[in-house]
Amino acid sequence: SRKVLVLFVVQKLEARFPQASKTSIGHVVQLLYRAS
């Protein structure tokens, strides 16, 4: 699901990129969704 995918990415990134929130990563996933 989108929620699980976003949470996985945020947890892996938070140590090095604390600015990577669930909202921002959700928007990255949305970009890939728009790209089909």
Full PDB file with SEQRES, HELIX, SHEET, SSBOND, CRYST1, ORIGX, SCALE, CONECT and MASTER records, all heavy atoms in Angstrom:
SEQRES   1 A   36  SER ARG LYS VAL LEU VAL LEU PHE VAL VAL GLN LYS LEU          
SEQRES   2 A   36  GLU ALA ARG PHE PRO GLN ALA SER LYS THR SER ILE GLY          
SEQRES   3 A   36  HIS VAL VAL GLN LEU LEU TYR ARG ALA SER                      
HELIX    1 AA1 ARG A    2  LEU A   13  1                                  12    
HELIX    2 AA2 LYS A   22  ARG A   34  1                                  13    
CRYST1    1.000    1.000    1.000  90.00  90.00  90.00 P 1           1          
ORIGX1      1.000000  0.000000  0.000000        0.00000                         
ORIGX2      0.000000  1.000000  0.000000        0.00000                         
ORIGX3      0.000000  0.000000  1.000000        0.00000                         
SCALE1      1.000000  0.000000  0.000000        0.00000                         
SCALE2      0.000000  1.000000  0.000000        0.00000                         
SCALE3      0.000000  0.000000  1.000000        0.00000                         
ATOM      1  N   SER A   1       0.859  -1.186   0.000  1.00  0.00           N  
ATOM      2  CA  SER A   1       0.000   0.000   0.000  1.00  0.00           C  
ATOM      3  C   SER A   1       0.893   1.233   0.000  1.00  0.00           C  
ATOM      4  O   SER A   1       2.069   1.171   0.396  1.00  0.00           O  
ATOM      5  CB  SER A   1      -0.888   0.012   1.241  1.00  0.00           C  
ATOM      6  OG  SER A   1      -0.107   0.207   2.411  1.00  0.00           O  
ATOM      7  N   ARG A   2       0.358   2.360  -0.419  1.00  0.00           N  
ATOM      8  CA  ARG A   2       1.136   3.596  -0.453  1.00  0.00           C  
ATOM      9  C   ARG A   2       1.658   3.934   0.943  1.00  0.00           C  
ATOM     10  O   ARG A   2       2.823   4.324   1.099  1.00  0.00           O  
ATOM     11  CB  ARG A   2       0.276   4.738  -0.987  1.00  0.00           C  
ATOM     12  CG  ARG A   2       1.022   6.071  -1.112  1.00  0.00           C  
ATOM     13  CD  ARG A   2       0.062   7.200  -1.450  1.00  0.00           C  
ATOM     14  NE  ARG A   2      -0.545   7.012  -2.735  1.00  0.00           N  
ATOM     15  CZ  ARG A   2      -0.270   7.744  -3.818  1.00  0.00           C  
ATOM     16  NH1 ARG A   2       0.633   8.704  -3.737  1.00  0.00           N  
ATOM     17  NH2 ARG A   2      -0.891   7.531  -4.958  1.00  0.00           N  
ATOM     18  N   LYS A   3       0.817   3.763   1.967  1.00  0.00           N  
ATOM     19  CA  LYS A   3       1.204   4.104   3.332  1.00  0.00           C  
ATOM     20  C   LYS A   3       2.395   3.283   3.791  1.00  0.00           C  
ATOM     21  O   LYS A   3       3.360   3.808   4.361  1.00  0.00           O  
ATOM     22  CB  LYS A   3       0.010   3.881   4.261  1.00  0.00           C  
ATOM     23  CG  LYS A   3       0.288   4.238   5.715  1.00  0.00           C  
ATOM     24  CD  LYS A   3      -0.961   4.037   6.583  1.00  0.00           C  
ATOM     25  CE  LYS A   3      -0.684   4.381   8.040  1.00  0.00           C  
ATOM     26  NZ  LYS A   3      -1.897   4.177   8.888  1.00  0.00           N  
ATOM     27  N   VAL A   4       2.369   1.971   3.531  1.00  0.00           N  
ATOM     28  CA  VAL A   4       3.461   1.094   3.948  1.00  0.00           C  
ATOM     29  C   VAL A   4       4.740   1.428   3.183  1.00  0.00           C  
ATOM     30  O   VAL A   4       5.838   1.475   3.757  1.00  0.00           O  
ATOM     31  CB  VAL A   4       3.074  -0.385   3.738  1.00  0.00           C  
ATOM     32  CG1 VAL A   4       4.277  -1.301   3.944  1.00  0.00           C  
ATOM     33  CG2 VAL A   4       1.944  -0.776   4.689  1.00  0.00           C  
ATOM     34  N   LEU A   5       4.608   1.682   1.887  1.00  0.00           N  
ATOM     35  CA  LEU A   5       5.774   2.016   1.056  1.00  0.00           C  
ATOM     36  C   LEU A   5       6.420   3.309   1.536  1.00  0.00           C  
ATOM     37  O   LEU A   5       7.647   3.376   1.706  1.00  0.00           O  
ATOM     38  CB  LEU A   5       5.345   2.148  -0.405  1.00  0.00           C  
ATOM     39  CG  LEU A   5       6.427   2.582  -1.398  1.00  0.00           C  
ATOM     40  CD1 LEU A   5       7.574   1.576  -1.431  1.00  0.00           C  
ATOM     41  CD2 LEU A   5       5.838   2.763  -2.790  1.00  0.00           C  
ATOM     42  N   VAL A   6       5.616   4.332   1.794  1.00  0.00           N  
ATOM     43  CA  VAL A   6       6.135   5.627   2.248  1.00  0.00           C  
ATOM     44  C   VAL A   6       6.816   5.484   3.603  1.00  0.00           C  
ATOM     45  O   VAL A   6       7.913   6.020   3.820  1.00  0.00           O  
ATOM     46  CB  VAL A   6       4.999   6.671   2.320  1.00  0.00           C  
ATOM     47  CG1 VAL A   6       5.454   7.915   3.068  1.00  0.00           C  
ATOM     48  CG2 VAL A   6       4.523   7.031   0.918  1.00  0.00           C  
ATOM     49  N   LEU A   7       6.191   4.752   4.510  1.00  0.00           N  
ATOM     50  CA  LEU A   7       6.762   4.565   5.848  1.00  0.00           C  
ATOM     51  C   LEU A   7       8.108   3.849   5.773  1.00  0.00           C  
ATOM     52  O   LEU A   7       9.059   4.202   6.479  1.00  0.00           O  
ATOM     53  CB  LEU A   7       5.789   3.775   6.721  1.00  0.00           C  
ATOM     54  CG  LEU A   7       6.119   3.706   8.222  1.00  0.00           C  
ATOM     55  CD1 LEU A   7       6.197   5.109   8.816  1.00  0.00           C  
ATOM     56  CD2 LEU A   7       5.097   2.867   8.971  1.00  0.00           C  
ATOM     57  N   PHE A   8       8.214   2.850   4.922  1.00  0.00           N  
ATOM     58  CA  PHE A   8       9.475   2.110   4.739  1.00  0.00           C  
ATOM     59  C   PHE A   8      10.585   3.055   4.291  1.00  0.00           C  
ATOM     60  O   PHE A   8      11.697   3.041   4.837  1.00  0.00           O  
ATOM     61  CB  PHE A   8       9.273   0.991   3.709  1.00  0.00           C  
ATOM     62  CG  PHE A   8      10.547   0.324   3.274  1.00  0.00           C  
ATOM     63  CD1 PHE A   8      11.148  -0.653   4.058  1.00  0.00           C  
ATOM     64  CD2 PHE A   8      11.157   0.673   2.067  1.00  0.00           C  
ATOM     65  CE1 PHE A   8      12.343  -1.262   3.654  1.00  0.00           C  
ATOM     66  CE2 PHE A   8      12.334   0.069   1.656  1.00  0.00           C  
ATOM     67  CZ  PHE A   8      12.924  -0.901   2.446  1.00  0.00           C  
ATOM     68  N   VAL A   9      10.301   3.902   3.294  1.00  0.00           N  
ATOM     69  CA  VAL A   9      11.313   4.818   2.768  1.00  0.00           C  
ATOM     70  C   VAL A   9      11.716   5.849   3.814  1.00  0.00           C  
ATOM     71  O   VAL A   9      12.904   6.126   4.009  1.00  0.00           O  
ATOM     72  CB  VAL A   9      10.797   5.514   1.484  1.00  0.00           C  
ATOM     73  CG1 VAL A   9      11.804   6.557   0.998  1.00  0.00           C  
ATOM     74  CG2 VAL A   9      10.534   4.482   0.387  1.00  0.00           C  
ATOM     75  N   VAL A  10      10.742   6.405   4.535  1.00  0.00           N  
ATOM     76  CA  VAL A  10      11.032   7.420   5.556  1.00  0.00           C  
ATOM     77  C   VAL A  10      11.924   6.848   6.652  1.00  0.00           C  
ATOM     78  O   VAL A  10      12.902   7.484   7.071  1.00  0.00           O  
ATOM     79  CB  VAL A  10       9.721   7.974   6.156  1.00  0.00           C  
ATOM     80  CG1 VAL A  10      10.025   8.847   7.384  1.00  0.00           C  
ATOM     81  CG2 VAL A  10       8.960   8.783   5.117  1.00  0.00           C  
ATOM     82  N   GLN A  11      11.618   5.650   7.103  1.00  0.00           N  
ATOM     83  CA  GLN A  11      12.406   5.038   8.172  1.00  0.00           C  
ATOM     84  C   GLN A  11      13.844   4.789   7.739  1.00  0.00           C  
ATOM     85  O   GLN A  11      14.780   4.924   8.535  1.00  0.00           O  
ATOM     86  CB  GLN A  11      11.752   3.724   8.612  1.00  0.00           C  
ATOM     87  CG  GLN A  11      10.456   3.927   9.389  1.00  0.00           C  
ATOM     88  CD  GLN A  11       9.761   2.623   9.722  1.00  0.00           C  
ATOM     89  OE1 GLN A  11      10.040   1.570   9.130  1.00  0.00           O  
ATOM     90  NE2 GLN A  11       8.824   2.683  10.659  1.00  0.00           N  
ATOM     91  N   LYS A  12      14.037   4.426   6.481  1.00  0.00           N  
ATOM     92  CA  LYS A  12      15.392   4.178   5.989  1.00  0.00           C  
ATOM     93  C   LYS A  12      16.172   5.481   5.774  1.00  0.00           C  
ATOM     94  O   LYS A  12      17.400   5.504   5.877  1.00  0.00           O  
ATOM     95  CB  LYS A  12      15.328   3.417   4.659  1.00  0.00           C  
ATOM     96  CG  LYS A  12      14.777   1.997   4.765  1.00  0.00           C  
ATOM     97  CD  LYS A  12      15.758   1.072   5.451  1.00  0.00           C  
ATOM     98  CE  LYS A  12      15.272  -0.366   5.435  1.00  0.00           C  
ATOM     99  NZ  LYS A  12      16.214  -1.276   6.123  1.00  0.00           N  
ATOM    100  N   LEU A  13      15.464   6.567   5.487  1.00  0.00           N  
ATOM    101  CA  LEU A  13      16.114   7.832   5.164  1.00  0.00           C  
ATOM    102  C   LEU A  13      16.343   8.741   6.364  1.00  0.00           C  
ATOM    103  O   LEU A  13      17.223   9.605   6.322  1.00  0.00           O  
ATOM    104  CB  LEU A  13      15.278   8.608   4.128  1.00  0.00           C  
ATOM    105  CG  LEU A  13      15.339   8.176   2.660  1.00  0.00           C  
ATOM    106  CD1 LEU A  13      14.406   9.054   1.846  1.00  0.00           C  
ATOM    107  CD2 LEU A  13      16.757   8.263   2.116  1.00  0.00           C  
ATOM    108  N   GLU A  14      15.557   8.573   7.430  1.00  0.00           N  
ATOM    109  CA  GLU A  14      15.512   9.594   8.485  1.00  0.00           C  
ATOM    110  C   GLU A  14      16.848   9.858   9.152  1.00  0.00           C  
ATOM    111  O   GLU A  14      17.109  10.976   9.615  1.00  0.00           O  
ATOM    112  CB  GLU A  14      14.459   9.227   9.538  1.00  0.00           C  
ATOM    113  CG  GLU A  14      14.686   7.924  10.236  1.00  0.00           C  
ATOM    114  CD  GLU A  14      13.527   7.591  11.176  1.00  0.00           C  
ATOM    115  OE1 GLU A  14      12.609   8.422  11.288  1.00  0.00           O  
ATOM    116  OE2 GLU A  14      13.548   6.499  11.790  1.00  0.00           O  
ATOM    117  N   ALA A  15      17.748   8.874   9.186  1.00  0.00           N  
ATOM    118  CA  ALA A  15      19.041   9.089   9.841  1.00  0.00           C  
ATOM    119  C   ALA A  15      19.897  10.101   9.086  1.00  0.00           C  
ATOM    120  O   ALA A  15      20.560  10.952   9.683  1.00  0.00           O  
ATOM    121  CB  ALA A  15      19.793   7.761   9.959  1.00  0.00           C  
ATOM    122  N   ARG A  16      19.877  10.032   7.758  1.00  0.00           N  
ATOM    123  CA  ARG A  16      20.718  10.922   6.946  1.00  0.00           C  
ATOM    124  C   ARG A  16      19.975  12.126   6.401  1.00  0.00           C  
ATOM    125  O   ARG A  16      20.557  13.170   6.139  1.00  0.00           O  
ATOM    126  CB  ARG A  16      21.337  10.138   5.784  1.00  0.00           C  
ATOM    127  CG  ARG A  16      22.462   9.209   6.227  1.00  0.00           C  
ATOM    128  CD  ARG A  16      23.102   8.479   5.058  1.00  0.00           C  
ATOM    129  NE  ARG A  16      22.132   7.675   4.318  1.00  0.00           N  
ATOM    130  CZ  ARG A  16      21.954   7.730   3.017  1.00  0.00           C  
ATOM    131  NH1 ARG A  16      22.629   8.601   2.303  1.00  0.00           N  
ATOM    132  NH2 ARG A  16      21.077   6.940   2.428  1.00  0.00           N  
ATOM    133  N   PHE A  17      18.666  11.967   6.173  1.00  0.00           N  
ATOM    134  CA  PHE A  17      17.870  13.053   5.608  1.00  0.00           C  
ATOM    135  C   PHE A  17      16.631  13.284   6.474  1.00  0.00           C  
ATOM    136  O   PHE A  17      15.535  12.838   6.139  1.00  0.00           O  
ATOM    137  CB  PHE A  17      17.449  12.709   4.172  1.00  0.00           C  
ATOM    138  CG  PHE A  17      18.597  12.458   3.235  1.00  0.00           C  
ATOM    139  CD1 PHE A  17      18.864  11.180   2.776  1.00  0.00           C  
ATOM    140  CD2 PHE A  17      19.422  13.496   2.827  1.00  0.00           C  
ATOM    141  CE1 PHE A  17      19.906  10.938   1.907  1.00  0.00           C  
ATOM    142  CE2 PHE A  17      20.485  13.265   1.952  1.00  0.00           C  
ATOM    143  CZ  PHE A  17      20.727  11.985   1.504  1.00  0.00           C  
ATOM    144  N   PRO A  18      16.802  13.983   7.603  1.00  0.00           N  
ATOM    145  CA  PRO A  18      15.665  14.199   8.504  1.00  0.00           C  
ATOM    146  C   PRO A  18      14.527  14.998   7.876  1.00  0.00           C  
ATOM    147  O   PRO A  18      13.399  14.960   8.365  1.00  0.00           O  
ATOM    148  CB  PRO A  18      16.291  14.967   9.689  1.00  0.00           C  
ATOM    149  CG  PRO A  18      17.578  15.531   9.161  1.00  0.00           C  
ATOM    150  CD  PRO A  18      18.055  14.582   8.127  1.00  0.00           C  
ATOM    151  N   GLN A  19      14.813  15.699   6.760  1.00  0.00           N  
ATOM    152  CA  GLN A  19      13.757  16.473   6.103  1.00  0.00           C  
ATOM    153  C   GLN A  19      12.808  15.581   5.310  1.00  0.00           C  
ATOM    154  O   GLN A  19      11.771  16.045   4.808  1.00  0.00           O  
ATOM    155  CB  GLN A  19      14.371  17.530   5.170  1.00  0.00           C  
ATOM    156  CG  GLN A  19      14.967  17.002   3.867  1.00  0.00           C  
ATOM    157  CD  GLN A  19      16.419  16.553   4.004  1.00  0.00           C  
ATOM    158  OE1 GLN A  19      16.853  16.189   5.085  1.00  0.00           O  
ATOM    159  NE2 GLN A  19      17.154  16.581   2.902  1.00  0.00           N  
ATOM    160  N   ALA A  20      13.144  14.310   5.184  1.00  0.00           N  
ATOM    161  CA  ALA A  20      12.301  13.385   4.415  1.00  0.00           C  
ATOM    162  C   ALA A  20      11.131  12.918   5.285  1.00  0.00           C  
ATOM    163  O   ALA A  20      11.190  11.895   5.952  1.00  0.00           O  
ATOM    164  CB  ALA A  20      13.130  12.194   3.941  1.00  0.00           C  
ATOM    165  N   SER A  21      10.042  13.662   5.257  1.00  0.00           N  
ATOM    166  CA  SER A  21       8.853  13.335   6.038  1.00  0.00           C  
ATOM    167  C   SER A  21       7.939  12.407   5.248  1.00  0.00           C  
ATOM    168  O   SER A  21       8.142  12.166   4.056  1.00  0.00           O  
ATOM    169  CB  SER A  21       8.099  14.619   6.379  1.00  0.00           C  
ATOM    170  OG  SER A  21       7.643  15.241   5.176  1.00  0.00           O  
ATOM    171  N   LYS A  22       6.906  11.906   5.924  1.00  0.00           N  
ATOM    172  CA  LYS A  22       5.931  11.055   5.228  1.00  0.00           C  
ATOM    173  C   LYS A  22       5.231  11.837   4.114  1.00  0.00           C  
ATOM    174  O   LYS A  22       4.932  11.286   3.050  1.00  0.00           O  
ATOM    175  CB  LYS A  22       4.914  10.510   6.232  1.00  0.00           C  
ATOM    176  CG  LYS A  22       5.470   9.416   7.134  1.00  0.00           C  
ATOM    177  CD  LYS A  22       4.406   8.771   7.984  1.00  0.00           C  
ATOM    178  CE  LYS A  22       4.005   9.686   9.119  1.00  0.00           C  
ATOM    179  NZ  LYS A  22       3.085   9.007  10.077  1.00  0.00           N  
ATOM    180  N   THR A  23       5.008  13.129   4.353  1.00  0.00           N  
ATOM    181  CA  THR A  23       4.352  13.945   3.327  1.00  0.00           C  
ATOM    182  C   THR A  23       5.244  14.108   2.092  1.00  0.00           C  
ATOM    183  O   THR A  23       4.799  13.923   0.950  1.00  0.00           O  
ATOM    184  CB  THR A  23       4.007  15.330   3.893  1.00  0.00           C  
ATOM    185  OG1 THR A  23       3.102  15.179   4.990  1.00  0.00           O  
ATOM    186  CG2 THR A  23       3.354  16.201   2.823  1.00  0.00           C  
ATOM    187  N   SER A  24       6.529  14.456   2.327  1.00  0.00           N  
ATOM    188  CA  SER A  24       7.434  14.693   1.200  1.00  0.00           C  
ATOM    189  C   SER A  24       7.691  13.409   0.406  1.00  0.00           C  
ATOM    190  O   SER A  24       7.713  13.428  -0.832  1.00  0.00           O  
ATOM    191  CB  SER A  24       8.754  15.297   1.687  1.00  0.00           C  
ATOM    192  OG  SER A  24       9.439  14.394   2.536  1.00  0.00           O  
ATOM    193  N   ILE A  25       7.871  12.283   1.111  1.00  0.00           N  
ATOM    194  CA  ILE A  25       8.096  11.020   0.402  1.00  0.00           C  
ATOM    195  C   ILE A  25       6.817  10.590  -0.317  1.00  0.00           C  
ATOM    196  O   ILE A  25       6.864  10.020  -1.410  1.00  0.00           O  
ATOM    197  CB  ILE A  25       8.573   9.925   1.368  1.00  0.00           C  
ATOM    198  CG1 ILE A  25       9.933  10.300   1.972  1.00  0.00           C  
ATOM    199  CG2 ILE A  25       8.671   8.576   0.657  1.00  0.00           C  
ATOM    200  CD1 ILE A  25      11.030  10.514   0.940  1.00  0.00           C  
ATOM    201  N   GLY A  26       5.684  10.893   0.282  1.00  0.00           N  
ATOM    202  CA  GLY A  26       4.411  10.605  -0.392  1.00  0.00           C  
ATOM    203  C   GLY A  26       4.311  11.348  -1.705  1.00  0.00           C  
ATOM    204  O   GLY A  26       3.785  10.828  -2.696  1.00  0.00           O  
ATOM    205  N   HIS A  27       4.864  12.564  -1.744  1.00  0.00           N  
ATOM    206  CA  HIS A  27       4.850  13.352  -2.971  1.00  0.00           C  
ATOM    207  C   HIS A  27       5.814  12.787  -4.018  1.00  0.00           C  
ATOM    208  O   HIS A  27       5.575  12.902  -5.226  1.00  0.00           O  
ATOM    209  CB  HIS A  27       5.196  14.804  -2.662  1.00  0.00           C  
ATOM    210  CG  HIS A  27       4.105  15.519  -1.931  1.00  0.00           C  
ATOM    211  ND1 HIS A  27       4.308  16.722  -1.280  1.00  0.00           N  
ATOM    212  CD2 HIS A  27       2.797  15.198  -1.735  1.00  0.00           C  
ATOM    213  CE1 HIS A  27       3.162  17.116  -0.720  1.00  0.00           C  
ATOM    214  NE2 HIS A  27       2.242  16.210  -0.989  1.00  0.00           N  
ATOM    215  N   VAL A  28       6.929  12.189  -3.560  1.00  0.00           N  
ATOM    216  CA  VAL A  28       7.853  11.523  -4.489  1.00  0.00           C  
ATOM    217  C   VAL A  28       7.163  10.308  -5.115  1.00  0.00           C  
ATOM    218  O   VAL A  28       7.251  10.073  -6.325  1.00  0.00           O  
ATOM    219  CB  VAL A  28       9.146  11.090  -3.770  1.00  0.00           C  
ATOM    220  CG1 VAL A  28      10.022  10.247  -4.698  1.00  0.00           C  
ATOM    221  CG2 VAL A  28       9.916  12.308  -3.265  1.00  0.00           C  
ATOM    222  N   VAL A  29       6.460   9.541  -4.283  1.00  0.00           N  
ATOM    223  CA  VAL A  29       5.718   8.379  -4.780  1.00  0.00           C  
ATOM    224  C   VAL A  29       4.638   8.827  -5.765  1.00  0.00           C  
ATOM    225  O   VAL A  29       4.390   8.173  -6.782  1.00  0.00           O  
ATOM    226  CB  VAL A  29       5.105   7.583  -3.607  1.00  0.00           C  
ATOM    227  CG1 VAL A  29       4.164   6.484  -4.114  1.00  0.00           C  
ATOM    228  CG2 VAL A  29       6.213   6.968  -2.752  1.00  0.00           C  
ATOM    229  N   GLN A  30       4.018   9.960  -5.480  1.00  0.00           N  
ATOM    230  CA  GLN A  30       2.998  10.494  -6.380  1.00  0.00           C  
ATOM    231  C   GLN A  30       3.587  10.832  -7.751  1.00  0.00           C  
ATOM    232  O   GLN A  30       2.934  10.650  -8.784  1.00  0.00           O  
ATOM    233  CB  GLN A  30       2.353  11.740  -5.759  1.00  0.00           C  
ATOM    234  CG  GLN A  30       1.322  12.440  -6.628  1.00  0.00           C  
ATOM    235  CD  GLN A  30       0.101  11.585  -6.929  1.00  0.00           C  
ATOM    236  OE1 GLN A  30      -0.168  10.609  -6.235  1.00  0.00           O  
ATOM    237  NE2 GLN A  30      -0.642  11.954  -7.966  1.00  0.00           N  
ATOM    238  N   LEU A  31       4.831  11.303  -7.756  1.00  0.00           N  
ATOM    239  CA  LEU A  31       5.508  11.608  -9.011  1.00  0.00           C  
ATOM    240  C   LEU A  31       5.653  10.342  -9.857  1.00  0.00           C  
ATOM    241  O   LEU A  31       5.402  10.342 -11.066  1.00  0.00           O  
ATOM    242  CB  LEU A  31       6.878  12.222  -8.732  1.00  0.00           C  
ATOM    243  CG  LEU A  31       7.683  12.752  -9.913  1.00  0.00           C  
ATOM    244  CD1 LEU A  31       6.956  13.886 -10.605  1.00  0.00           C  
ATOM    245  CD2 LEU A  31       9.052  13.216  -9.450  1.00  0.00           C  
ATOM    246  N   LEU A  32       6.031   9.236  -9.210  1.00  0.00           N  
ATOM    247  CA  LEU A  32       6.154   7.961  -9.916  1.00  0.00           C  
ATOM    248  C   LEU A  32       4.782   7.455 -10.363  1.00  0.00           C  
ATOM    249  O   LEU A  32       4.651   6.840 -11.427  1.00  0.00           O  
ATOM    250  CB  LEU A  32       6.831   6.919  -9.020  1.00  0.00           C  
ATOM    251  CG  LEU A  32       8.270   7.236  -8.591  1.00  0.00           C  
ATOM    252  CD1 LEU A  32       8.793   6.162  -7.640  1.00  0.00           C  
ATOM    253  CD2 LEU A  32       9.188   7.347  -9.813  1.00  0.00           C  
ATOM    254  N   TYR A  33       3.770   7.732  -9.553  1.00  0.00           N  
ATOM    255  CA  TYR A  33       2.405   7.331  -9.917  1.00  0.00           C  
ATOM    256  C   TYR A  33       1.943   8.086 -11.167  1.00  0.00           C  
ATOM    257  O   TYR A  33       1.366   7.502 -12.083  1.00  0.00           O  
ATOM    258  CB  TYR A  33       1.466   7.607  -8.742  1.00  0.00           C  
ATOM    259  CG  TYR A  33       0.019   7.254  -9.016  1.00  0.00           C  
ATOM    260  CD1 TYR A  33      -0.428   5.933  -8.888  1.00  0.00           C  
ATOM    261  CD2 TYR A  33      -0.884   8.232  -9.398  1.00  0.00           C  
ATOM    262  CE1 TYR A  33      -1.757   5.608  -9.142  1.00  0.00           C  
ATOM    263  CE2 TYR A  33      -2.216   7.922  -9.660  1.00  0.00           C  
ATOM    264  CZ  TYR A  33      -2.647   6.606  -9.524  1.00  0.00           C  
ATOM    265  OH  TYR A  33      -3.953   6.279  -9.798  1.00  0.00           O  
ATOM    266  N   ARG A  34       2.245   9.393 -11.204  1.00  0.00           N  
ATOM    267  CA  ARG A  34       1.897  10.192 -12.384  1.00  0.00           C  
ATOM    268  C   ARG A  34       2.623   9.688 -13.623  1.00  0.00           C  
ATOM    269  O   ARG A  34       2.114   9.793 -14.743  1.00  0.00           O  
ATOM    270  CB  ARG A  34       2.243  11.664 -12.160  1.00  0.00           C  
ATOM    271  CG  ARG A  34       1.214  12.469 -11.393  1.00  0.00           C  
ATOM    272  CD  ARG A  34       1.652  13.924 -11.327  1.00  0.00           C  
ATOM    273  NE  ARG A  34       1.860  14.489 -12.650  1.00  0.00           N  
ATOM    274  CZ  ARG A  34       0.950  15.176 -13.339  1.00  0.00           C  
ATOM    275  NH1 ARG A  34      -0.258  15.378 -12.816  1.00  0.00           N  
ATOM    276  NH2 ARG A  34       1.224  15.667 -14.518  1.00  0.00           N  
ATOM    277  N   ALA A  35       3.821   9.136 -13.424  1.00  0.00           N  
ATOM    278  CA  ALA A  35       4.615   8.620 -14.537  1.00  0.00           C  
ATOM    279  C   ALA A  35       4.181   7.218 -14.950  1.00  0.00           C  
ATOM    280  O   ALA A  35       4.810   6.605 -15.813  1.00  0.00           O  
ATOM    281  CB  ALA A  35       6.094   8.621 -14.159  1.00  0.00           C  
ATOM    282  N   SER A  36       3.123   6.703 -14.309  1.00  0.00           N  
ATOM    283  CA  SER A  36       2.575   5.366 -14.625  1.00  0.00           C  
ATOM    284  C   SER A  36       3.594   4.248 -14.404  1.00  0.00           C  
ATOM    285  O   SER A  36       3.679   3.305 -15.187  1.00  0.00           O  
ATOM    286  CB  SER A  36       2.075   5.329 -16.077  1.00  0.00           C  
ATOM    287  OG  SER A  36       1.073   6.294 -16.290  1.00  0.00           O  
TER     288      SER A  36                                                      
MASTER        0    0    0    2    0    0    0    6  287    1    0    3          
END                                                                             
